[in-house]
N, C-alpha and C. Protein backbone atom coordinates (compact mmCIF):
# COMPACT_ATOMS: atom_id res chain seq x y z
N MET A 1 0.86 -1.14 0.11
CA MET A 1 -0.04 0.05 -0.08
C MET A 1 0.73 1.32 0.01
N PRO A 2 0.75 2.01 -1.09
CA PRO A 2 1.61 3.21 -1.17
C PRO A 2 1.10 4.32 -0.17
N THR A 3 2.03 4.87 0.32
CA THR A 3 1.70 5.99 1.43
C THR A 3 2.04 7.11 0.80
N ARG A 4 1.50 8.18 1.12
CA ARG A 4 1.67 9.55 0.46
C ARG A 4 2.55 10.31 1.41
N LYS A 5 3.51 10.89 0.82
CA LYS A 5 4.37 11.88 1.64
C LYS A 5 3.64 13.10 1.97
N PRO A 6 3.81 13.34 3.25
CA PRO A 6 3.20 14.70 3.64
C PRO A 6 3.89 15.88 2.95
N THR A 7 3.05 16.78 2.39
CA THR A 7 3.42 18.00 1.71
C THR A 7 3.68 19.03 2.63
N GLU A 8 4.68 19.92 2.32
CA GLU A 8 4.84 20.95 3.30
C GLU A 8 3.79 22.04 2.87
N GLU A 9 3.23 22.59 4.09
CA GLU A 9 2.23 23.68 3.84
C GLU A 9 2.82 24.85 3.19
N GLU A 10 2.23 25.52 2.24
CA GLU A 10 2.71 26.58 1.55
C GLU A 10 2.25 27.85 2.49
N THR A 11 3.11 28.76 2.70
CA THR A 11 2.72 30.02 3.39
C THR A 11 2.21 30.88 2.44
N VAL A 12 0.95 31.31 2.64
CA VAL A 12 0.20 32.40 1.72
C VAL A 12 0.57 33.69 2.29
N ASN A 13 1.16 34.76 1.52
CA ASN A 13 1.27 35.99 1.92
C ASN A 13 0.12 36.86 1.49
N ALA A 14 -0.73 37.22 2.37
CA ALA A 14 -1.88 38.21 2.10
C ALA A 14 -1.24 39.65 1.79
N ASP A 15 -1.68 40.11 0.55
CA ASP A 15 -1.21 41.34 0.04
C ASP A 15 -2.33 42.39 0.23
N LEU A 16 -2.42 43.08 1.34
CA LEU A 16 -3.49 44.02 1.65
C LEU A 16 -3.17 45.45 0.95
N LEU A 17 -2.21 45.57 0.34
CA LEU A 17 -1.84 46.84 -0.34
C LEU A 17 -2.99 47.27 -1.34
N PRO A 18 -3.40 46.39 -2.16
CA PRO A 18 -4.35 46.72 -3.18
C PRO A 18 -5.64 47.23 -2.46
N VAL A 19 -6.06 46.50 -1.36
CA VAL A 19 -7.37 46.79 -0.66
C VAL A 19 -7.25 48.10 0.00
N MET A 20 -6.19 48.50 0.51
CA MET A 20 -5.70 49.60 1.22
C MET A 20 -5.77 50.78 0.45
N ASN A 21 -5.42 50.57 -0.99
CA ASN A 21 -5.43 51.70 -1.90
C ASN A 21 -6.66 51.85 -2.49
N VAL A 22 -7.74 50.93 -2.50
CA VAL A 22 -8.99 51.14 -2.89
C VAL A 22 -9.79 51.88 -1.77
N MET A 23 -9.49 51.48 -0.50
CA MET A 23 -10.23 52.11 0.51
C MET A 23 -9.75 53.63 0.64
N PHE A 24 -8.32 53.95 0.36
CA PHE A 24 -7.93 55.27 0.40
C PHE A 24 -8.58 56.16 -0.72
N LEU A 25 -8.92 55.64 -1.85
CA LEU A 25 -9.47 56.37 -2.92
C LEU A 25 -11.12 56.43 -2.67
N LEU A 26 -11.62 55.54 -2.05
CA LEU A 26 -13.08 55.57 -1.66
C LEU A 26 -13.55 56.67 -0.68
N ILE A 27 -12.63 56.84 0.28
CA ILE A 27 -13.05 57.84 1.38
C ILE A 27 -13.15 59.30 0.81
N PRO A 28 -12.30 59.84 0.01
CA PRO A 28 -12.56 61.28 -0.40
C PRO A 28 -13.76 61.24 -1.55
N ALA A 29 -13.97 60.10 -2.29
CA ALA A 29 -15.00 59.92 -3.24
C ALA A 29 -16.24 60.10 -2.36
N LEU A 30 -16.50 59.32 -1.34
CA LEU A 30 -17.73 59.39 -0.53
C LEU A 30 -17.99 60.61 0.10
N LEU A 31 -17.01 61.31 0.59
CA LEU A 31 -17.09 62.72 1.22
C LEU A 31 -17.49 63.57 0.24
N LEU A 32 -17.07 63.56 -1.05
CA LEU A 32 -17.26 64.51 -2.02
C LEU A 32 -18.73 64.25 -2.41
N ALA A 33 -19.20 62.94 -2.59
CA ALA A 33 -20.66 62.69 -2.88
C ALA A 33 -21.43 63.21 -1.78
N MET A 34 -21.02 63.18 -0.50
CA MET A 34 -21.93 63.63 0.54
C MET A 34 -22.23 65.29 0.34
N GLU A 35 -21.26 65.89 -0.12
CA GLU A 35 -21.29 67.31 -0.27
C GLU A 35 -22.28 67.74 -1.32
N PHE A 36 -22.39 66.97 -2.35
CA PHE A 36 -23.35 67.27 -3.49
C PHE A 36 -24.70 66.85 -3.21
N ALA A 37 -25.00 65.73 -2.37
CA ALA A 37 -26.28 65.14 -2.12
C ALA A 37 -26.87 65.96 -0.87
N SER A 38 -27.28 67.09 -0.85
CA SER A 38 -27.89 67.72 0.24
C SER A 38 -29.14 67.47 0.31
N MET A 39 -29.65 67.42 1.63
CA MET A 39 -31.08 67.15 1.83
C MET A 39 -31.75 68.34 2.16
N ALA A 40 -33.05 68.42 1.67
CA ALA A 40 -34.03 69.57 2.00
C ALA A 40 -34.72 69.28 3.35
N GLN A 41 -35.01 70.23 4.01
CA GLN A 41 -35.74 69.98 5.27
C GLN A 41 -36.91 70.93 5.37
N ILE A 42 -37.86 70.59 6.19
CA ILE A 42 -39.01 71.50 6.43
C ILE A 42 -39.02 71.51 8.06
N THR A 43 -39.05 72.75 8.48
CA THR A 43 -38.95 72.81 10.00
C THR A 43 -40.42 72.49 10.58
N VAL A 44 -40.77 71.59 11.30
CA VAL A 44 -42.08 71.28 11.74
C VAL A 44 -42.04 71.35 13.40
N ALA A 45 -42.74 72.05 13.96
CA ALA A 45 -42.92 72.13 15.43
C ALA A 45 -43.85 71.00 16.03
N VAL A 46 -43.47 70.50 17.11
CA VAL A 46 -44.33 69.39 17.73
C VAL A 46 -45.51 70.12 18.45
N PRO A 47 -46.51 69.54 18.59
CA PRO A 47 -47.64 70.07 19.24
C PRO A 47 -47.31 70.60 20.81
N ARG A 48 -47.79 71.55 21.07
CA ARG A 48 -47.51 72.21 22.46
C ARG A 48 -48.30 71.48 23.57
N THR A 49 -47.71 71.17 24.77
CA THR A 49 -48.51 70.68 25.74
C THR A 49 -48.16 71.55 26.93
N VAL A 50 -49.20 71.64 27.76
CA VAL A 50 -49.08 72.62 29.06
C VAL A 50 -49.31 71.58 30.29
N SER A 51 -48.38 71.87 31.23
CA SER A 51 -48.53 70.90 32.50
C SER A 51 -49.63 71.57 33.25
N HIS A 52 -49.90 72.64 33.33
CA HIS A 52 -50.90 73.49 33.99
C HIS A 52 -51.71 74.55 33.22
N PRO A 53 -52.97 74.67 33.47
CA PRO A 53 -53.62 75.70 32.55
C PRO A 53 -53.32 77.05 32.78
N VAL A 54 -53.39 77.76 31.77
CA VAL A 54 -53.00 79.31 31.85
C VAL A 54 -54.26 80.05 32.14
N SER A 55 -53.87 80.94 33.19
CA SER A 55 -55.11 81.53 33.64
C SER A 55 -55.62 82.64 32.92
N GLN A 56 -54.86 83.40 32.45
CA GLN A 56 -55.31 84.45 31.51
C GLN A 56 -54.44 84.51 30.16
N PRO A 57 -55.02 84.95 29.06
CA PRO A 57 -54.24 84.97 27.87
C PRO A 57 -53.08 86.10 27.94
N GLN A 58 -52.11 85.97 27.17
CA GLN A 58 -50.89 87.01 27.22
C GLN A 58 -51.58 88.45 26.65
N ASN A 59 -52.30 88.30 25.64
CA ASN A 59 -52.83 89.63 25.14
C ASN A 59 -54.35 89.58 24.91
N PRO A 60 -55.10 90.04 25.81
CA PRO A 60 -56.49 89.94 25.82
C PRO A 60 -57.28 90.68 24.70
N THR A 61 -56.62 91.81 24.24
CA THR A 61 -57.22 92.31 23.08
C THR A 61 -57.06 91.80 21.71
N GLN A 62 -56.13 90.88 21.50
CA GLN A 62 -55.84 90.18 20.17
C GLN A 62 -56.30 88.70 20.49
N PRO A 63 -57.45 88.26 20.07
CA PRO A 63 -57.78 86.81 20.29
C PRO A 63 -56.75 85.91 19.52
N GLU A 64 -56.79 84.72 20.01
CA GLU A 64 -55.81 83.80 19.34
C GLU A 64 -56.56 83.17 18.02
N LEU A 65 -55.75 83.17 17.00
CA LEU A 65 -56.52 82.61 15.72
C LEU A 65 -56.89 81.13 15.72
N GLY A 66 -55.73 80.33 16.11
CA GLY A 66 -55.98 78.84 16.06
C GLY A 66 -56.39 78.37 14.70
N PHE A 67 -55.70 78.63 13.75
CA PHE A 67 -55.91 78.38 12.28
C PHE A 67 -55.51 76.82 12.06
N LYS A 68 -56.42 76.19 11.47
CA LYS A 68 -56.36 74.58 11.32
C LYS A 68 -56.87 74.33 9.96
N VAL A 69 -55.94 73.54 9.15
CA VAL A 69 -56.19 73.05 7.79
C VAL A 69 -56.27 71.55 7.91
N ALA A 70 -57.32 71.08 7.46
CA ALA A 70 -57.59 69.63 7.37
C ALA A 70 -57.51 69.11 5.83
N ILE A 71 -56.69 68.27 5.56
CA ILE A 71 -56.49 67.71 4.26
C ILE A 71 -57.37 66.47 4.00
N GLY A 72 -58.22 66.45 3.26
CA GLY A 72 -59.01 65.29 2.95
C GLY A 72 -59.06 64.84 1.60
N ARG A 73 -59.76 63.60 1.12
CA ARG A 73 -59.86 63.25 -0.16
C ARG A 73 -60.61 64.14 -1.12
N ASP A 74 -61.56 65.06 -0.32
CA ASP A 74 -62.36 65.97 -1.24
C ASP A 74 -61.83 67.35 -1.30
N GLY A 75 -60.67 67.53 -0.66
CA GLY A 75 -60.15 68.81 -0.63
C GLY A 75 -59.67 69.35 0.55
N PHE A 76 -59.75 70.73 0.87
CA PHE A 76 -59.32 71.28 2.35
C PHE A 76 -60.36 71.86 2.96
N ARG A 77 -60.24 71.69 4.31
CA ARG A 77 -61.30 72.33 5.24
C ARG A 77 -60.43 73.25 6.19
N THR A 78 -60.87 74.56 6.20
CA THR A 78 -60.00 75.39 7.12
C THR A 78 -61.04 75.79 8.19
N ARG A 79 -60.47 75.92 9.42
CA ARG A 79 -61.12 76.33 10.69
C ARG A 79 -60.34 77.27 11.36
N SER A 80 -60.92 78.02 12.26
CA SER A 80 -60.20 79.06 13.04
C SER A 80 -60.98 79.28 14.34
N GLY A 81 -60.54 79.22 15.48
CA GLY A 81 -61.08 79.33 16.80
C GLY A 81 -62.45 78.58 16.85
N GLY A 82 -62.48 77.32 16.32
CA GLY A 82 -63.77 76.55 16.25
C GLY A 82 -64.81 76.99 15.32
N ALA A 83 -64.59 77.84 14.56
CA ALA A 83 -65.48 78.30 13.35
C ALA A 83 -64.78 78.20 11.99
N ASP A 84 -65.67 78.18 11.08
CA ASP A 84 -64.97 78.14 9.56
C ASP A 84 -64.13 79.34 9.41
N ALA A 85 -62.95 79.30 8.89
CA ALA A 85 -62.10 80.46 8.56
C ALA A 85 -61.96 80.59 7.04
N GLY A 86 -62.21 81.58 6.57
CA GLY A 86 -62.10 81.98 5.14
C GLY A 86 -63.24 81.08 4.44
N PRO A 87 -62.96 80.40 3.35
CA PRO A 87 -64.06 79.77 2.59
C PRO A 87 -64.51 78.54 3.33
N GLY A 88 -63.89 78.05 4.52
CA GLY A 88 -64.39 76.74 5.12
C GLY A 88 -63.96 75.57 4.28
N ALA A 89 -64.71 75.20 3.46
CA ALA A 89 -64.36 74.01 2.60
C ALA A 89 -63.78 74.61 1.17
N ILE A 90 -62.75 73.91 0.80
CA ILE A 90 -62.08 74.14 -0.63
C ILE A 90 -62.10 72.97 -1.15
N PRO A 91 -63.14 72.81 -2.20
CA PRO A 91 -63.00 71.45 -2.82
C PRO A 91 -61.94 71.31 -3.95
N LEU A 92 -61.83 70.07 -4.35
CA LEU A 92 -60.86 69.73 -5.39
C LEU A 92 -61.22 70.60 -6.68
N ASN A 93 -60.33 71.13 -7.35
CA ASN A 93 -60.40 71.77 -8.66
C ASN A 93 -59.93 70.89 -9.89
N GLY A 94 -60.86 70.27 -10.49
CA GLY A 94 -60.51 69.49 -11.68
C GLY A 94 -59.67 68.20 -11.28
N GLY A 95 -60.00 67.62 -10.00
CA GLY A 95 -59.33 66.52 -9.57
C GLY A 95 -58.04 66.82 -8.80
N ASP A 96 -57.58 68.06 -8.79
CA ASP A 96 -56.42 68.47 -8.06
C ASP A 96 -56.81 69.34 -7.02
N TYR A 97 -55.99 69.43 -5.96
CA TYR A 97 -56.11 70.17 -4.68
C TYR A 97 -55.94 71.71 -5.23
N ASP A 98 -56.83 72.68 -4.73
CA ASP A 98 -56.71 74.01 -4.98
C ASP A 98 -55.96 74.74 -4.19
N TYR A 99 -54.55 74.78 -4.52
CA TYR A 99 -53.62 75.48 -3.64
C TYR A 99 -53.74 76.96 -3.74
N ALA A 100 -54.35 77.36 -4.95
CA ALA A 100 -54.51 78.95 -4.94
C ALA A 100 -55.49 79.53 -4.07
N ALA A 101 -56.71 78.77 -3.95
CA ALA A 101 -57.61 79.24 -3.05
C ALA A 101 -57.19 79.02 -1.65
N LEU A 102 -56.31 78.09 -1.33
CA LEU A 102 -55.93 77.90 0.15
C LEU A 102 -55.01 79.06 0.34
N ALA A 103 -54.12 79.46 -0.52
CA ALA A 103 -53.20 80.57 -0.50
C ALA A 103 -54.07 81.79 -0.31
N ALA A 104 -55.05 81.99 -0.96
CA ALA A 104 -55.85 83.21 -0.80
C ALA A 104 -56.51 83.23 0.55
N ALA A 105 -57.02 82.19 1.04
CA ALA A 105 -57.53 82.19 2.31
C ALA A 105 -56.55 82.40 3.61
N ALA A 106 -55.29 81.96 3.24
CA ALA A 106 -54.10 82.20 4.12
C ALA A 106 -53.76 83.72 4.15
N ARG A 107 -53.71 84.25 2.93
CA ARG A 107 -53.49 85.62 2.91
C ARG A 107 -54.46 86.54 3.60
N ASP A 108 -55.69 86.15 3.42
CA ASP A 108 -56.70 86.88 4.12
C ASP A 108 -56.75 86.84 5.59
N LEU A 109 -56.47 85.56 6.20
CA LEU A 109 -56.27 85.47 7.67
C LEU A 109 -55.07 86.19 8.08
N LYS A 110 -53.93 86.14 7.46
CA LYS A 110 -52.68 86.83 7.78
C LYS A 110 -52.82 88.40 7.78
N HIS A 111 -53.66 88.81 6.97
CA HIS A 111 -53.89 90.36 7.08
C HIS A 111 -54.77 90.68 8.33
N LEU A 112 -55.69 89.83 8.74
CA LEU A 112 -56.47 90.01 9.99
C LEU A 112 -55.71 89.71 11.16
N PHE A 113 -54.76 88.76 11.24
CA PHE A 113 -53.93 88.46 12.32
C PHE A 113 -52.55 88.44 11.74
N PRO A 114 -51.78 89.62 11.87
CA PRO A 114 -50.51 89.71 11.27
C PRO A 114 -49.36 89.03 12.16
N ALA A 115 -49.65 88.95 13.44
CA ALA A 115 -48.63 88.55 14.33
C ALA A 115 -48.74 86.87 14.40
N GLU A 116 -49.75 86.24 13.97
CA GLU A 116 -49.91 84.95 14.07
C GLU A 116 -48.96 84.22 13.00
N SER A 117 -48.32 83.11 13.55
CA SER A 117 -47.45 82.42 12.61
C SER A 117 -47.61 80.95 12.57
N THR A 118 -48.62 80.42 13.49
CA THR A 118 -48.76 79.09 13.61
C THR A 118 -50.05 78.44 12.87
N VAL A 119 -49.86 77.40 12.35
CA VAL A 119 -50.96 76.74 11.65
C VAL A 119 -50.92 75.18 12.04
N THR A 120 -52.11 74.61 12.36
CA THR A 120 -52.11 73.19 12.68
C THR A 120 -52.65 72.54 11.40
N ILE A 121 -51.95 71.46 10.99
CA ILE A 121 -52.39 70.73 9.71
C ILE A 121 -52.72 69.28 10.11
N THR A 122 -53.83 68.83 9.66
CA THR A 122 -54.01 67.42 9.71
C THR A 122 -54.30 66.91 8.35
N ALA A 123 -54.14 65.74 8.26
CA ALA A 123 -54.39 64.80 6.84
C ALA A 123 -55.00 63.49 7.12
N GLU A 124 -55.87 63.20 6.33
CA GLU A 124 -56.35 61.76 6.46
C GLU A 124 -55.36 60.72 5.99
N GLY A 125 -55.37 59.63 6.43
CA GLY A 125 -54.22 58.60 6.21
C GLY A 125 -53.93 58.33 4.73
N ASP A 126 -54.92 58.49 3.74
CA ASP A 126 -54.43 58.09 2.33
C ASP A 126 -54.11 59.49 1.52
N VAL A 127 -53.97 60.57 2.19
CA VAL A 127 -53.45 61.69 1.45
C VAL A 127 -51.81 61.55 1.21
N PRO A 128 -51.45 61.70 0.16
CA PRO A 128 -50.07 61.57 -0.50
C PRO A 128 -49.20 62.59 0.32
N MET A 129 -47.88 62.18 0.57
CA MET A 129 -46.96 62.95 1.32
C MET A 129 -46.69 64.26 0.55
N ASP A 130 -46.58 64.17 -0.75
CA ASP A 130 -46.48 65.40 -1.63
C ASP A 130 -47.43 66.38 -1.38
N VAL A 131 -48.62 66.06 -1.05
CA VAL A 131 -49.82 66.96 -1.03
C VAL A 131 -49.65 67.69 0.41
N LEU A 132 -49.24 66.79 1.27
CA LEU A 132 -48.92 67.56 2.64
C LEU A 132 -47.85 68.53 2.69
N VAL A 133 -46.72 68.06 1.99
CA VAL A 133 -45.65 69.00 1.78
C VAL A 133 -45.82 70.38 1.01
N ARG A 134 -46.63 70.14 -0.02
CA ARG A 134 -47.05 71.27 -0.85
C ARG A 134 -48.02 72.15 -0.04
N THR A 135 -48.82 71.69 0.77
CA THR A 135 -49.66 72.40 1.63
C THR A 135 -49.10 73.20 2.62
N ILE A 136 -48.01 72.72 3.13
CA ILE A 136 -47.06 73.28 4.19
C ILE A 136 -46.30 74.44 3.39
N ASP A 137 -46.04 74.23 2.19
CA ASP A 137 -45.33 75.21 1.39
C ASP A 137 -46.20 76.56 1.22
N VAL A 138 -47.45 76.10 0.70
CA VAL A 138 -48.54 77.19 0.43
C VAL A 138 -48.70 77.99 1.75
N LEU A 139 -48.96 77.20 2.75
CA LEU A 139 -49.44 77.98 4.03
C LEU A 139 -48.16 78.81 4.63
N ARG A 140 -46.88 78.34 4.18
CA ARG A 140 -45.77 79.11 4.60
C ARG A 140 -45.57 80.38 3.94
N GLY A 141 -46.17 80.33 2.50
CA GLY A 141 -45.87 81.37 1.53
C GLY A 141 -44.77 80.90 0.44
N ASP A 142 -45.24 80.99 -0.67
CA ASP A 142 -44.30 80.42 -1.74
C ASP A 142 -43.05 80.87 -1.81
N ARG A 143 -42.98 82.36 -1.71
CA ARG A 143 -41.87 83.15 -1.65
C ARG A 143 -40.96 83.40 -0.39
N CYS A 144 -41.67 82.74 0.63
CA CYS A 144 -41.11 83.04 2.05
C CYS A 144 -39.72 82.22 2.10
N LYS A 145 -38.80 82.93 2.62
CA LYS A 145 -37.33 82.49 2.88
C LYS A 145 -37.14 82.72 4.41
N LEU A 146 -36.71 81.65 5.04
CA LEU A 146 -36.65 81.69 6.53
C LEU A 146 -35.15 81.72 6.83
N GLY A 147 -34.28 81.86 5.84
CA GLY A 147 -32.91 81.82 6.33
C GLY A 147 -32.58 83.05 7.26
N ALA A 148 -33.03 84.17 7.05
CA ALA A 148 -32.93 85.33 7.90
C ALA A 148 -33.37 85.04 9.28
N TYR A 149 -34.52 84.29 9.26
CA TYR A 149 -35.12 84.00 10.62
C TYR A 149 -34.14 83.14 11.37
N ALA A 150 -33.49 82.19 10.71
CA ALA A 150 -32.44 81.35 11.43
C ALA A 150 -31.28 82.10 12.10
N ARG A 151 -31.00 83.42 11.41
CA ARG A 151 -29.94 84.22 12.02
C ARG A 151 -30.56 85.16 13.03
N GLY A 152 -31.85 85.09 13.35
CA GLY A 152 -32.41 85.87 14.47
C GLY A 152 -33.26 87.10 13.93
N GLU A 153 -33.39 87.13 12.80
CA GLU A 153 -34.20 88.19 12.13
C GLU A 153 -35.65 87.83 11.88
N GLN A 154 -36.56 88.92 11.84
CA GLN A 154 -37.96 88.37 11.74
C GLN A 154 -38.12 88.09 10.23
N PRO A 155 -39.11 87.08 10.00
CA PRO A 155 -39.47 86.85 8.59
C PRO A 155 -40.03 88.00 7.86
N GLY A 156 -40.07 87.96 6.49
CA GLY A 156 -40.61 89.03 5.66
C GLY A 156 -42.11 89.01 5.74
N ASP A 157 -42.75 90.08 4.90
CA ASP A 157 -44.09 90.07 4.79
C ASP A 157 -44.59 88.99 3.92
N GLU A 158 -43.64 88.36 3.04
CA GLU A 158 -44.20 87.19 2.20
C GLU A 158 -44.48 85.92 2.94
N CYS A 159 -44.04 85.90 4.16
CA CYS A 159 -44.06 84.69 4.93
C CYS A 159 -45.52 84.88 5.63
N LEU A 160 -46.40 83.84 5.57
CA LEU A 160 -47.70 83.71 6.14
C LEU A 160 -47.80 83.00 7.34
N PHE A 161 -47.97 81.63 7.36
CA PHE A 161 -47.98 80.89 8.53
C PHE A 161 -46.88 79.90 8.42
N TRP A 162 -45.63 80.22 9.02
CA TRP A 162 -44.44 79.64 8.61
C TRP A 162 -44.06 78.65 9.73
N SER A 163 -44.85 78.51 10.71
CA SER A 163 -44.55 77.54 11.80
C SER A 163 -45.59 76.42 11.85
N PRO A 164 -45.50 75.55 10.95
CA PRO A 164 -46.53 74.46 11.01
C PRO A 164 -46.46 73.48 12.12
N VAL A 165 -47.74 72.97 12.56
CA VAL A 165 -47.79 71.91 13.58
C VAL A 165 -48.55 70.79 12.93
N ILE A 166 -47.96 69.71 12.81
CA ILE A 166 -48.66 68.53 12.12
C ILE A 166 -49.35 67.69 13.19
N GLU A 167 -50.60 67.53 13.13
CA GLU A 167 -51.51 66.85 14.17
C GLU A 167 -51.85 65.45 13.56
N SER A 168 -51.79 64.59 14.32
CA SER A 168 -52.21 63.21 13.92
C SER A 168 -53.56 63.02 14.30
N VAL A 169 -54.28 62.37 13.34
CA VAL A 169 -55.65 61.96 13.55
C VAL A 169 -55.94 60.58 13.77
N GLY A 170 -56.76 60.33 14.84
CA GLY A 170 -57.13 59.06 15.05
C GLY A 170 -55.99 57.88 15.34
């Protein structure tokens, strides 16, 4: 019976230099890609809660607006202080949401309440996200730029209700 001679195990040298070269080239490429892929953001405030009731309003001569916009399958519904604000119901216009009518209602309310900046927005569950984002943009004001506000300045007159509060339904 022939026996086999044990072979010597060969030592394999792992050459990591090509892998290190690839990693060295990937790091700057990924950092450069992050610079060009900037993300847009919309500032949204969380609903306010109070641990104890407020005894008196801060400015009793100016009533609080309490502007609310509900987005549904059939269009927009606007409310203010428990009553209909502006047109109340803004139906769909040719199958699309009527953003022009919503902007007109927001401008009218802003003229009546120039110091108010908060709007509460609710949406039904099947409303697309782009409709919600477009509604926030329209209520903020299409030409509103809040860069100066981030630096501590007051927003311009083109800004309507630039502090949205998204409210969950059900």
